């Protein structure tokens, strides 16, 4: 792809937009970075921006001279301000599509509604343990385009979101992973079908020489797999698979070429990692494909503490385990977190509504949740769904929620923060929400 002297507009001046702009000017392109926010609002992001990049702030207008438009993940490819550019048939792509066009290094791409960051991190750690040179990023940490500076490496291991997949034209990972598909971001993607198809598009340009790793337990994932030309590999918590990784009688196995291998017992894992069995299985399915040894997997798995705010064990107080899943910002994440535990749960849930259908939680709440503490804007909506059928109460703050949970809990119970909603009604972000929970629990 020739960029020299091309007029390219980058939309969105966040971390990805800045990295993209810097990459493009390094290739000789004439770059304009556009953002609807003011320069003052974006000041911190701009500290690393090349002086060769022109900027337009407080603006969403695309320069008429543009030969190509590259979108940051936060920018909807169907936004109305892009209509004129579409009419003029200016190509609009995502940053991952741009980066893909400049590398021949094998790519492992991980997508799904929940668990992407944990699985991406696990795959990277195991492959590093196996002696591979790995660069990890994408939607997690470093943008893909910035990882190109680290080439040559053996693999790029990328977390990939639907926002990034909206703008692909040729993006083709050697190994793609779809972890799960439950409703999320429907304010942008409108329907579950549209959202699911975007997840499936991670394999859209794969061929029979590539591999697609699928969650055999997820009907939506398996439906997407039927559309792919890639070779299929599976992972499952529910039973054996012919090719991939699975859980049976408390032990994790891999199977490849008809040969089964026991890797480890769930009981061998640290408390935090026992809650991440499905994520570990998907990682095992991937790393086995690139010849990681059993010892590489067990070495990482038995030390892995999990990621902050993702089903994160915090502390045990008087026999009660406190778990922080503040990253659980959608109904599917909440469902998944509840299914992890076989012990009684005191659940702290609620926040800013993302349009999720809470009705699907009613029976699961009855099965899994001993008591529910409601926070945030969605309190009324959740109460309407439950309609007096369940033990619940309101809390006015995170401290109030933790105190009320502690009063209801007994030794052997789990106090779980898994909001099922975004955090923006009460907190700066899910990180602040989770950190506040951990700080309060730490004082108990």
Protein backbone atom coordinates (compact mmCIF):
# COMPACT_ATOMS: atom_id res chain seq x y z
CA UNK A 1 0.00 0.00 0.00
CA UNK A 2 1.63 3.23 -1.16
CA UNK A 3 1.11 6.14 1.21
CA UNK A 4 3.67 8.69 0.05
CA UNK A 5 2.02 12.01 -0.79
CA UNK A 6 -1.47 10.57 -0.16
CA UNK A 7 -3.98 12.80 1.64
CA UNK A 8 -5.28 10.77 4.56
CA UNK A 9 -7.77 11.80 7.23
CA UNK A 10 -7.69 10.08 10.61
CA UNK A 11 -10.87 10.46 12.66
CA UNK A 12 -10.58 10.37 16.46
CA UNK A 13 -7.64 11.74 18.45
CA UNK A 14 -7.46 9.10 21.14
CA UNK A 15 -4.57 6.68 21.62
CA UNK A 16 -5.34 4.81 18.39
CA UNK A 17 -5.85 7.96 16.29
CA UNK A 18 -2.55 9.46 17.42
CA UNK A 19 -0.63 6.22 16.79
CA UNK A 20 -2.25 5.90 13.36
CA UNK A 21 -1.41 9.48 12.41
CA UNK A 22 2.22 9.07 13.47
CA UNK A 23 2.51 5.85 11.46
CA UNK A 24 1.04 7.44 8.35
CA UNK A 25 3.33 10.49 8.35
CA UNK A 26 6.31 8.16 8.85
CA UNK A 27 5.30 6.58 5.53
CA UNK A 28 5.25 9.93 3.77
CA UNK A 29 1.51 10.61 3.83
CA UNK A 30 -0.05 14.03 4.33
CA UNK A 31 -2.25 13.51 7.41
CA UNK A 32 -5.11 15.47 8.96
CA UNK A 33 -6.33 14.35 12.40
CA UNK A 34 -9.95 15.30 13.06
CA UNK A 35 -11.86 15.16 16.34
CA UNK A 36 -15.15 16.64 17.48
CA UNK A 37 -13.63 17.41 20.88
CA UNK A 38 -11.59 20.54 21.62
CA UNK A 39 -7.81 20.68 21.74
CA UNK A 40 -8.01 21.34 25.49
CA UNK A 41 -10.00 18.14 26.07
CA UNK A 42 -7.46 16.12 24.08
CA UNK A 43 -4.28 17.79 25.33
CA UNK A 44 -2.81 14.73 27.07
CA UNK A 45 -3.36 12.52 24.01
CA UNK A 46 -1.54 14.99 21.76
CA UNK A 47 1.76 15.00 23.67
CA UNK A 48 3.08 12.18 21.46
CA UNK A 49 1.59 13.44 18.18
CA UNK A 50 4.05 14.15 15.37
CA UNK A 51 4.31 17.87 14.51
CA UNK A 52 3.88 16.86 10.86
CA UNK A 53 0.22 15.96 11.52
CA UNK A 54 -2.31 18.72 10.83
CA UNK A 55 -5.18 18.88 13.31
CA UNK A 56 -8.81 19.97 13.19
CA UNK A 57 -10.58 20.08 16.57
CA UNK A 58 -14.20 20.77 17.41
CA UNK A 59 -14.90 19.44 13.93
CA UNK A 60 -16.24 16.33 12.21
CA UNK A 61 -15.86 17.60 8.65
CA UNK A 62 -13.77 15.43 6.34
CA UNK A 63 -11.41 17.42 4.06
CA UNK A 64 -12.49 17.17 0.41
CA UNK A 65 -8.94 16.29 -0.65
CA UNK A 66 -8.95 13.01 1.33
CA UNK A 67 -7.79 9.91 -0.56
CA UNK A 68 -8.39 7.61 2.42
CA UNK A 69 -10.14 7.81 5.81
CA UNK A 70 -8.95 5.80 8.82
CA UNK A 71 -11.33 5.55 11.77
CA UNK A 72 -10.51 5.14 15.44
CA UNK A 73 -12.60 2.43 17.17
CA UNK A 74 -14.86 4.93 18.92
CA UNK A 75 -16.06 6.34 15.59
CA UNK A 76 -19.12 4.70 14.05
CA UNK A 77 -18.47 3.81 10.41
CA UNK A 78 -22.14 4.55 9.68
CA UNK A 79 -22.01 8.06 11.17
CA UNK A 80 -23.86 10.71 9.17
CA UNK A 81 -20.79 12.97 8.82
CA UNK A 82 -19.21 10.25 6.65
CA UNK A 83 -22.11 10.13 4.18
CA UNK A 84 -20.52 12.53 1.67
CA UNK A 85 -17.27 10.56 1.74
CA UNK A 86 -19.17 7.34 1.11
CA UNK A 87 -21.03 8.99 -1.77
CA UNK A 88 -17.69 9.99 -3.28
CA UNK A 89 -16.47 6.38 -2.78
CA UNK A 90 -13.52 7.38 -0.59
CA UNK A 91 -12.33 4.21 1.12
CA UNK A 92 -13.05 4.17 4.87
CA UNK A 93 -11.11 1.63 6.92
CA UNK A 94 -10.25 0.85 10.53
CA UNK A 95 -6.82 1.08 12.09
CA UNK A 96 -6.46 -2.73 12.25
CA UNK A 97 -7.10 -2.92 8.51
CA UNK A 98 -4.40 -0.31 7.89
CA UNK A 99 -1.86 -2.09 10.08
CA UNK A 100 -2.63 -5.47 8.51
CA UNK A 101 -1.66 -4.12 5.10
CA UNK A 102 1.87 -3.44 6.38
CA UNK A 103 2.83 -6.76 7.92
CA UNK A 104 3.34 -10.37 6.91
CA UNK A 105 3.77 -11.51 10.52
CA UNK A 106 1.27 -14.19 11.63
CA UNK A 107 -1.69 -12.81 13.58
CA UNK A 108 -3.72 -14.37 16.38
CA UNK A 109 -6.94 -12.34 16.74
CA UNK A 110 -9.25 -12.76 19.75
CA UNK A 111 -12.81 -11.46 19.74
CA UNK A 112 -16.03 -12.12 21.66
CA UNK A 113 -18.31 -10.25 24.02
CA UNK A 114 -16.49 -11.13 27.22
CA UNK A 115 -13.05 -12.46 28.21
CA UNK A 116 -11.06 -10.97 25.29
CA UNK A 117 -8.46 -9.20 27.41
CA UNK A 118 -7.82 -12.18 29.67
CA UNK A 119 -7.48 -14.62 26.77
CA UNK A 120 -5.27 -12.28 24.74
CA UNK A 121 -3.00 -11.86 27.76
CA UNK A 122 -2.89 -15.59 28.51
CA UNK A 123 -2.03 -16.51 24.91
CA UNK A 124 0.74 -13.91 24.86
CA UNK A 125 2.18 -15.06 28.19
CA UNK A 126 2.15 -18.76 27.27
CA UNK A 127 3.78 -18.16 23.89
CA UNK A 128 6.46 -16.01 25.52
CA UNK A 129 7.04 -18.84 28.01
CA UNK A 130 7.43 -21.13 24.99
CA UNK A 131 10.26 -18.94 23.71
CA UNK A 132 8.32 -17.09 21.03
CA UNK A 133 8.81 -13.40 20.38
CA UNK A 134 5.35 -11.91 20.83
CA UNK A 135 3.74 -8.46 20.57
CA UNK A 136 0.38 -8.11 22.35
CA UNK A 137 -2.12 -5.32 21.79
CA UNK A 138 -4.97 -4.19 19.57
CA UNK A 139 -8.00 -3.26 21.64
CA UNK A 140 -5.89 -4.11 24.69
CA UNK A 141 -3.14 -1.61 25.46
CA UNK A 142 -1.02 -0.80 22.40
CA UNK A 143 -2.82 -0.20 19.07
CA UNK A 144 -1.94 -2.71 16.35
CA UNK A 145 -0.42 -0.01 14.14
CA UNK A 146 2.02 0.92 16.94
CA UNK A 147 3.02 -2.72 17.40
CA UNK A 148 4.48 -2.68 13.89
CA UNK A 149 7.47 -0.88 15.38
CA UNK A 150 8.31 -4.11 17.26
CA UNK A 151 8.53 -6.22 14.10
CA UNK A 152 10.12 -8.70 13.55
CA UNK A 153 8.17 -10.89 15.99
CA UNK A 154 6.85 -14.44 15.69
CA UNK A 155 3.21 -13.46 16.30
CA UNK A 156 0.99 -10.48 16.89
CA UNK A 157 -1.61 -11.42 19.51
CA UNK A 158 -4.50 -8.97 19.21
CA UNK A 159 -7.70 -8.28 21.09
CA UNK A 160 -10.24 -7.25 18.48
CA UNK A 161 -13.57 -5.45 19.06
CA UNK A 162 -16.62 -5.11 16.83
CA UNK A 163 -15.85 -1.40 16.54
CA UNK A 164 -12.55 -2.32 14.89
CA UNK A 165 -14.12 -5.02 12.71
CA UNK A 166 -16.60 -2.53 11.20
CA UNK A 167 -13.86 -1.15 8.96
CA UNK A 168 -12.02 -4.23 7.67
CA UNK A 169 -11.63 -4.97 3.96
CA UNK A 170 -8.91 -7.65 3.88
CA UNK A 171 -7.92 -8.27 7.56
CA UNK A 172 -7.06 -11.95 7.78
CA UNK A 173 -5.65 -13.46 10.98
CA UNK A 174 -3.88 -16.80 10.75
CA UNK A 175 -5.73 -17.88 13.89
CA UNK A 176 -9.01 -16.23 14.87
CA UNK A 177 -10.87 -16.88 18.14
CA UNK A 178 -14.54 -16.19 18.91
CA UNK A 179 -15.04 -16.62 22.66
CA UNK A 180 -18.77 -15.93 23.10
CA UNK A 181 -21.54 -13.75 21.68
CA UNK A 182 -24.19 -12.12 23.87
CA UNK A 183 -25.97 -8.76 23.32
CA UNK A 184 -23.72 -5.72 23.77
CA UNK A 185 -23.22 -2.31 22.17
CA UNK A 186 -26.71 -2.48 20.67
CA UNK A 187 -26.87 1.30 20.91
CA UNK A 188 -24.37 1.21 18.01
CA UNK A 189 -25.01 -2.11 16.28
CA UNK A 190 -28.83 -2.03 16.68
CA UNK A 191 -29.56 -5.79 16.63
CA UNK A 192 -27.97 -8.94 18.05
CA UNK A 193 -27.78 -10.35 14.51
CA UNK A 194 -25.76 -7.35 13.28
CA UNK A 195 -23.51 -7.52 16.34
CA UNK A 196 -22.99 -11.30 15.98
CA UNK A 197 -22.19 -10.96 12.28
CA UNK A 198 -19.53 -8.38 13.11
CA UNK A 199 -17.95 -10.80 15.58
CA UNK A 200 -18.01 -13.48 12.90
CA UNK A 201 -16.34 -11.15 10.42
CA UNK A 202 -13.03 -11.74 12.22
CA UNK A 203 -12.94 -14.84 9.98
CA UNK A 204 -14.45 -13.22 6.88
CA UNK A 205 -11.22 -13.30 4.85
CA UNK A 206 -9.74 -16.51 6.25
CA UNK A 207 -9.31 -19.50 3.94
CA UNK A 208 -8.83 -23.23 4.49
CA UNK A 209 -5.20 -22.65 5.41
CA UNK A 210 -6.24 -20.58 8.44
CA UNK A 211 -7.78 -21.66 11.76
CA UNK A 212 -10.91 -20.50 13.58
CA UNK A 213 -11.20 -21.40 17.28
CA UNK A 214 -14.82 -21.56 18.47
CA UNK A 215 -16.70 -21.92 21.75
CA UNK A 216 -18.62 -25.15 21.20
CA UNK A 217 -20.95 -24.29 24.10
CA UNK A 218 -22.19 -21.04 22.51
CA UNK A 219 -24.91 -21.35 19.88
CA UNK A 220 -24.30 -17.85 18.48
CA UNK A 221 -20.59 -18.56 18.08
CA UNK A 222 -21.18 -21.89 16.34
CA UNK A 223 -23.60 -20.24 13.93
CA UNK A 224 -20.87 -17.79 12.89
CA UNK A 225 -18.42 -20.66 12.49
CA UNK A 226 -20.61 -22.27 9.81
CA UNK A 227 -19.94 -19.29 7.55
CA UNK A 228 -16.15 -19.58 7.74
CA UNK A 229 -13.85 -21.36 5.28
CA UNK A 230 -11.16 -21.81 7.94
CA UNK A 231 -10.34 -25.07 9.69
CA UNK A 232 -12.35 -25.30 12.95
CA UNK A 233 -10.92 -25.97 16.40
CA UNK A 234 -13.08 -25.93 19.54
CA UNK A 235 -13.07 -25.45 23.30
CA UNK A 236 -15.76 -26.58 25.75
CA UNK A 237 -16.61 -26.68 29.44
CA UNK A 238 -19.30 -29.29 28.80
CA UNK A 239 -17.57 -32.21 27.13
CA UNK A 240 -14.93 -33.62 24.82
CA UNK A 241 -13.96 -32.05 21.50
CA UNK A 242 -12.15 -33.84 18.69
CA UNK A 243 -9.74 -30.97 18.11
CA UNK A 244 -9.07 -28.28 20.74
CA UNK A 245 -9.41 -28.14 24.53
CA UNK A 246 -12.04 -29.25 27.01
CA UNK A 247 -12.90 -29.76 30.69
CA UNK A 248 -13.80 -33.21 32.03
CA UNK A 249 -14.11 -34.32 35.66
CA UNK A 250 -12.32 -31.23 36.92
CA UNK A 251 -9.32 -31.61 34.60
CA UNK A 252 -8.35 -29.74 31.44
CA UNK A 253 -7.34 -31.64 28.32
CA UNK A 254 -6.14 -30.82 24.83
CA UNK A 255 -6.84 -32.98 21.80
CA UNK A 256 -4.97 -32.75 18.51
CA UNK A 257 -4.71 -35.29 15.72
CA UNK A 258 -6.70 -37.77 17.80
CA UNK A 259 -4.23 -37.59 20.69
CA UNK A 260 -5.57 -36.46 24.07
CA UNK A 261 -3.33 -34.90 26.69
CA UNK A 262 -4.25 -34.04 30.27
CA UNK A 263 -2.80 -30.62 31.09
CA UNK A 264 -3.83 -29.86 34.68
CA UNK A 265 -6.60 -29.93 37.25
CA UNK A 266 -8.70 -26.86 37.99
CA UNK A 267 -7.83 -27.41 41.65
CA UNK A 268 -4.15 -26.81 40.79
CA UNK A 269 -4.95 -23.20 39.86
CA UNK A 270 -4.94 -20.18 42.13
CA UNK A 271 -8.34 -19.07 43.42
CA UNK A 272 -8.54 -16.22 40.92
CA UNK A 273 -7.76 -18.48 37.98
CA UNK A 274 -10.28 -21.15 38.97
CA UNK A 275 -12.93 -18.60 38.01
CA UNK A 276 -11.36 -18.33 34.53
CA UNK A 277 -11.56 -21.97 33.38
CA UNK A 278 -13.28 -21.19 30.08
CA UNK A 279 -10.79 -18.47 29.22
CA UNK A 280 -7.90 -20.81 29.98
CA UNK A 281 -9.39 -23.54 27.77
CA UNK A 282 -9.66 -21.19 24.79
CA UNK A 283 -6.06 -20.10 25.31
CA UNK A 284 -4.93 -23.72 25.50
CA UNK A 285 -6.68 -24.49 22.22
CA UNK A 286 -4.76 -21.67 20.54
CA UNK A 287 -1.27 -22.19 21.92
CA UNK A 288 -1.40 -25.93 21.22
CA UNK A 289 -1.80 -25.04 17.55
CA UNK A 290 1.58 -23.32 17.58
CA UNK A 291 3.35 -26.10 19.50
CA UNK A 292 3.44 -24.70 23.04
CA UNK A 293 4.34 -27.51 25.43
CA UNK A 294 2.30 -28.72 28.39
CA UNK A 295 4.95 -27.26 30.70
CA UNK A 296 4.58 -23.82 29.07
CA UNK A 297 0.82 -23.86 29.67
CA UNK A 298 0.98 -25.06 33.27
CA UNK A 299 3.82 -22.70 34.17
CA UNK A 300 1.75 -19.66 33.15
CA UNK A 301 -1.66 -20.95 34.25
CA UNK A 302 -0.59 -21.84 37.77
CA UNK A 303 0.94 -18.40 38.35
CA UNK A 304 -1.66 -16.31 36.54
CA UNK A 305 -3.61 -13.99 38.85
CA UNK A 306 -6.12 -12.83 36.27
CA UNK A 307 -6.67 -9.24 35.15
CA UNK A 308 -7.98 -6.39 37.26
CA UNK A 309 -11.77 -6.00 37.27
CA UNK A 310 -12.40 -9.25 35.37
CA UNK A 311 -13.81 -11.83 37.82
CA UNK A 312 -10.96 -10.76 40.10
CA UNK A 313 -10.76 -12.37 43.52
CA UNK A 314 -10.14 -9.56 46.00
CA UNK A 315 -10.17 -10.90 49.53
CA UNK A 316 -11.72 -13.44 51.90
CA UNK A 317 -13.32 -11.96 55.01
CA UNK A 318 -14.80 -14.28 57.64
CA UNK A 319 -15.11 -17.02 55.04
CA UNK A 320 -16.81 -14.74 52.49
CA UNK A 321 -15.05 -14.32 49.12
CA UNK A 322 -15.26 -10.86 47.51
CA UNK A 323 -14.97 -10.83 43.70
CA UNK A 324 -14.60 -7.74 41.50
CA UNK A 325 -16.07 -8.04 38.00
CA UNK A 326 -16.49 -4.31 37.36
CA UNK A 327 -15.57 -4.94 33.70
CA UNK A 328 -18.86 -6.85 33.45
CA UNK A 329 -20.61 -3.97 31.69
CA UNK A 330 -23.28 -5.93 29.82
CA UNK A 331 -25.96 -8.51 30.55
CA UNK A 332 -23.96 -11.31 28.92
CA UNK A 333 -20.94 -10.63 31.15
CA UNK A 334 -23.17 -10.74 34.22
CA UNK A 335 -24.70 -14.04 33.08
CA UNK A 336 -21.26 -15.52 32.50
CA UNK A 337 -19.95 -14.39 35.90
CA UNK A 338 -22.93 -15.84 37.76
CA UNK A 339 -22.44 -19.21 36.05
CA UNK A 340 -18.84 -19.39 37.28
CA UNK A 341 -19.90 -19.92 40.88
CA UNK A 342 -21.65 -22.86 42.52
CA UNK A 343 -21.87 -21.15 45.93
CA UNK A 344 -24.56 -18.65 47.10
CA UNK A 345 -24.00 -15.16 45.66
CA UNK A 346 -24.74 -11.74 47.07
CA UNK A 347 -24.71 -9.70 43.89
CA UNK A 348 -24.05 -5.96 43.50
CA UNK A 349 -25.48 -4.94 40.13
CA UNK A 350 -26.71 -1.90 38.21
CA UNK A 351 -25.34 1.26 36.64
CA UNK A 352 -25.94 3.17 33.43
CA UNK A 353 -28.26 1.35 31.06
CA UNK A 354 -26.78 0.18 27.72
CA UNK A 355 -30.12 -1.09 26.44
CA UNK A 356 -29.61 -4.63 27.76
CA UNK A 357 -32.53 -7.01 28.22
CA UNK A 358 -32.55 -7.74 31.94
CA UNK A 359 -35.50 -10.13 31.60
CA UNK A 360 -33.11 -12.95 30.67
CA UNK A 361 -31.58 -12.69 34.16
CA UNK A 362 -34.71 -13.43 36.17
CA UNK A 363 -34.44 -17.24 36.31
CA UNK A 364 -30.66 -17.17 36.70
CA UNK A 365 -31.01 -14.79 39.64
CA UNK A 366 -33.43 -17.20 41.31
CA UNK A 367 -31.01 -20.08 40.76
CA UNK A 368 -27.75 -18.39 41.69
CA UNK A 369 -28.31 -15.24 43.74
CA UNK A 370 -29.06 -15.29 47.45
CA UNK A 371 -29.57 -11.52 47.60
CA UNK A 372 -29.26 -8.60 45.19
CA UNK A 373 -28.03 -5.10 46.01
CA UNK A 374 -28.98 -2.54 43.35
CA UNK A 375 -26.95 0.54 42.45
CA UNK A 376 -27.11 3.21 39.76
CA UNK A 377 -29.64 4.41 37.22
CA UNK A 378 -30.98 0.96 36.35
CA UNK A 379 -32.35 0.25 39.84
CA UNK A 380 -35.93 0.93 38.75
CA UNK A 381 -35.61 -1.08 35.55
CA UNK A 382 -34.22 -4.09 37.41
CA UNK A 383 -36.93 -3.84 40.07
CA UNK A 384 -39.59 -3.89 37.35
CA UNK A 385 -38.09 -7.02 35.83
CA UNK A 386 -37.88 -8.80 39.19
CA UNK A 387 -41.36 -7.61 40.18
CA UNK A 388 -41.06 -8.61 43.83
CA UNK A 389 -40.06 -12.18 42.99
CA UNK A 390 -36.67 -11.95 44.60
CA UNK A 391 -34.74 -10.71 47.64
CA UNK A 392 -33.21 -7.34 46.81
CA UNK A 393 -32.59 -3.84 48.15
CA UNK A 394 -31.21 -0.50 46.99
CA UNK A 395 -27.87 1.07 47.88
CA UNK A 396 -26.92 4.72 47.45
CA UNK A 397 -23.15 4.28 47.03
CA UNK A 398 -20.55 1.57 46.59
CA UNK A 399 -19.71 1.72 50.30
CA UNK A 400 -23.37 1.32 51.15
CA UNK A 401 -23.62 -1.61 48.72
CA UNK A 402 -20.63 -3.43 50.24
CA UNK A 403 -21.94 -2.89 53.78
CA UNK A 404 -25.39 -4.21 52.85
CA UNK A 405 -23.83 -7.21 51.10
CA UNK A 406 -21.71 -8.02 54.13
CA UNK A 407 -24.80 -7.98 56.34
CA UNK A 408 -26.52 -10.54 54.11
CA UNK A 409 -23.52 -12.82 53.54
CA UNK A 410 -22.45 -15.86 55.54
CA UNK A 411 -19.25 -17.93 55.49
CA UNK A 412 -19.00 -19.77 52.18
CA UNK A 413 -20.89 -17.10 50.21
CA UNK A 414 -19.58 -14.96 47.35
CA UNK A 415 -20.03 -11.18 47.29
CA UNK A 416 -19.83 -10.38 43.58
CA UNK A 417 -19.65 -6.96 41.97
CA UNK A 418 -20.82 -7.66 38.40
CA UNK A 419 -22.91 -4.66 37.37
CA UNK A 420 -24.19 -5.74 33.95
CA UNK A 421 -24.16 -2.03 33.05
CA UNK A 422 -21.69 0.71 32.26
CA UNK A 423 -20.33 2.85 35.09
CA UNK A 424 -20.81 6.39 33.84
CA UNK A 425 -23.77 7.29 36.06
CA UNK A 426 -21.70 7.05 39.27
CA UNK A 427 -18.05 6.67 38.25
CA UNK A 428 -15.47 7.90 35.76
CA UNK A 429 -15.21 4.38 34.29
CA UNK A 430 -15.33 0.70 35.24
CA UNK A 431 -11.78 0.95 36.61
CA UNK A 432 -12.74 3.59 39.18
CA UNK A 433 -15.82 1.54 40.08
CA UNK A 434 -13.77 -1.63 40.61
CA UNK A 435 -11.00 0.14 42.50
CA UNK A 436 -13.52 1.71 44.84
CA UNK A 437 -15.01 -1.71 45.52
CA UNK A 438 -11.56 -3.17 46.24
CA UNK A 439 -10.60 -0.28 48.50
CA UNK A 440 -13.79 -0.64 50.56
CA UNK A 441 -13.41 -4.43 50.79
CA UNK A 442 -9.80 -3.92 51.88
CA UNK A 443 -11.00 -1.93 54.90
CA UNK A 444 -13.44 -4.58 56.12
